[in-house]
Amino acid sequence: MCRNIHTLHNFEPRATSAEVEAAALQYVRKISGTTKPSKANEEAFAQAVHEIAHATQHLLDSLVTHAPARNRDEEAAKARARAAVRFGTA
C-alpha cells in the first residue's frame, strides 16, 4: 500500500491538493490495516484522512530547500527505468 505514497516536496509544479489527499488516504489505509472501513468506522476514517492531509499540506508549505525543483516527468521516467531493471522488463 505505501508504495503509492510519493515524495511531494520540491516539485514544480507544486503538489496538488488531490495528491496530498491521496497520500493521506494511503497512510490511513496502511495504519488502519483496511482499504475500506466498516460503516461504524467510516466517519473516523474520513476525519483522519482530512486531518492528515491538512497536516501534510502545512508541512509542505513550511519546508524550505535551496535545491532546484525537480521535474515530475523526469522523476517518473527514472522510476519507470528502475522498475524495468527491477522486474526484468528492460
Protein backbone atom coordinates (compact mmCIF):
# COMPACT_ATOMS: atom_id res chain seq x y z
CA MET A 1 0.00 0.00 0.00
CA CYS A 2 2.62 2.58 0.99
CA ARG A 3 4.42 2.25 -2.31
CA ASN A 4 1.72 4.57 -3.62
CA ILE A 5 2.85 7.38 -1.35
CA HIS A 6 5.25 9.51 -3.37
CA THR A 7 7.52 12.36 -2.42
CA LEU A 8 5.54 15.57 -2.73
CA HIS A 9 8.18 18.13 -1.72
CA ASN A 10 10.30 20.21 -4.10
CA PHE A 11 8.47 19.62 -7.37
CA GLU A 12 7.45 22.11 -9.99
CA PRO A 13 4.52 22.50 -10.22
CA ARG A 14 3.78 22.07 -6.52
CA ALA A 15 1.82 19.11 -5.20
CA THR A 16 -1.90 19.43 -5.75
CA SER A 17 -4.48 19.02 -3.01
CA ALA A 18 -5.56 15.78 -4.74
CA GLU A 19 -2.01 14.39 -4.44
CA VAL A 20 -1.85 15.35 -0.77
CA GLU A 21 -5.26 13.78 -0.15
CA ALA A 22 -4.22 10.56 -1.95
CA ALA A 23 -1.08 10.29 0.18
CA ALA A 24 -3.13 10.85 3.35
CA LEU A 25 -5.61 8.19 2.27
CA GLN A 26 -2.83 5.67 1.64
CA TYR A 27 -1.31 6.44 5.02
CA VAL A 28 -4.61 5.95 6.86
CA ARG A 29 -5.25 2.72 4.94
CA LYS A 30 -1.83 1.42 5.94
CA ILE A 31 -2.03 2.21 9.63
CA SER A 32 -5.65 1.09 9.96
CA GLY A 33 -5.00 -2.15 8.09
CA THR A 34 -8.01 -1.72 5.84
CA THR A 35 -8.69 -0.22 2.44
CA LYS A 36 -12.38 0.29 3.11
CA PRO A 37 -13.60 0.96 6.64
CA SER A 38 -16.79 -0.51 8.05
CA LYS A 39 -19.87 1.71 8.29
CA ALA A 40 -19.15 2.14 12.01
CA ASN A 41 -15.65 3.47 11.27
CA GLU A 42 -16.31 5.49 8.09
CA GLU A 43 -16.54 8.84 9.85
CA ALA A 44 -13.37 8.32 11.90
CA PHE A 45 -11.54 7.12 8.77
CA ALA A 46 -12.62 10.15 6.74
CA GLN A 47 -11.77 12.53 9.58
CA ALA A 48 -8.29 11.02 9.90
CA VAL A 49 -7.68 11.40 6.15
CA HIS A 50 -8.80 15.04 6.32
CA GLU A 51 -6.60 15.87 9.32
CA ILE A 52 -3.54 14.13 7.90
CA ALA A 53 -3.99 15.85 4.54
CA HIS A 54 -4.22 19.19 6.34
CA ALA A 55 -1.06 18.49 8.38
CA THR A 56 0.75 17.28 5.26
CA GLN A 57 -0.14 20.42 3.32
CA HIS A 58 1.01 22.55 6.25
CA LEU A 59 4.33 20.64 6.32
CA LEU A 60 4.86 21.02 2.57
CA ASP A 61 4.11 24.74 2.79
CA SER A 62 6.62 25.15 5.64
CA LEU A 63 9.56 23.22 4.19
CA VAL A 64 12.48 25.23 2.83
CA THR A 65 15.04 24.00 0.32
CA HIS A 66 17.84 25.50 -1.70
CA ALA A 67 17.87 22.66 -4.21
CA PRO A 68 16.35 23.27 -7.62
CA ALA A 69 12.80 21.99 -8.04
CA ARG A 70 12.53 18.55 -9.63
CA ASN A 71 10.63 17.85 -12.80
CA ARG A 72 7.75 15.38 -12.41
CA ASP A 73 8.17 13.89 -15.88
CA GLU A 74 11.89 13.29 -15.40
CA GLU A 75 11.34 11.68 -11.99
CA ALA A 76 8.59 9.45 -13.43
CA ALA A 77 10.91 8.35 -16.25
CA LYS A 78 13.64 7.47 -13.72
CA ALA A 79 11.11 5.45 -11.68
CA ARG A 80 9.98 3.55 -14.80
CA ALA A 81 13.61 2.78 -15.66
CA ARG A 82 14.27 1.48 -12.13
CA ALA A 83 11.14 -0.68 -12.31
CA ALA A 84 12.17 -2.09 -15.69
CA VAL A 85 15.53 -3.14 -14.27
CA ARG A 86 14.00 -4.48 -11.06
CA PHE A 87 11.26 -6.50 -12.73
CA GLY A 88 13.22 -7.52 -15.83
CA THR A 89 11.16 -5.68 -18.42
CA ALA A 90 14.12 -3.65 -19.69
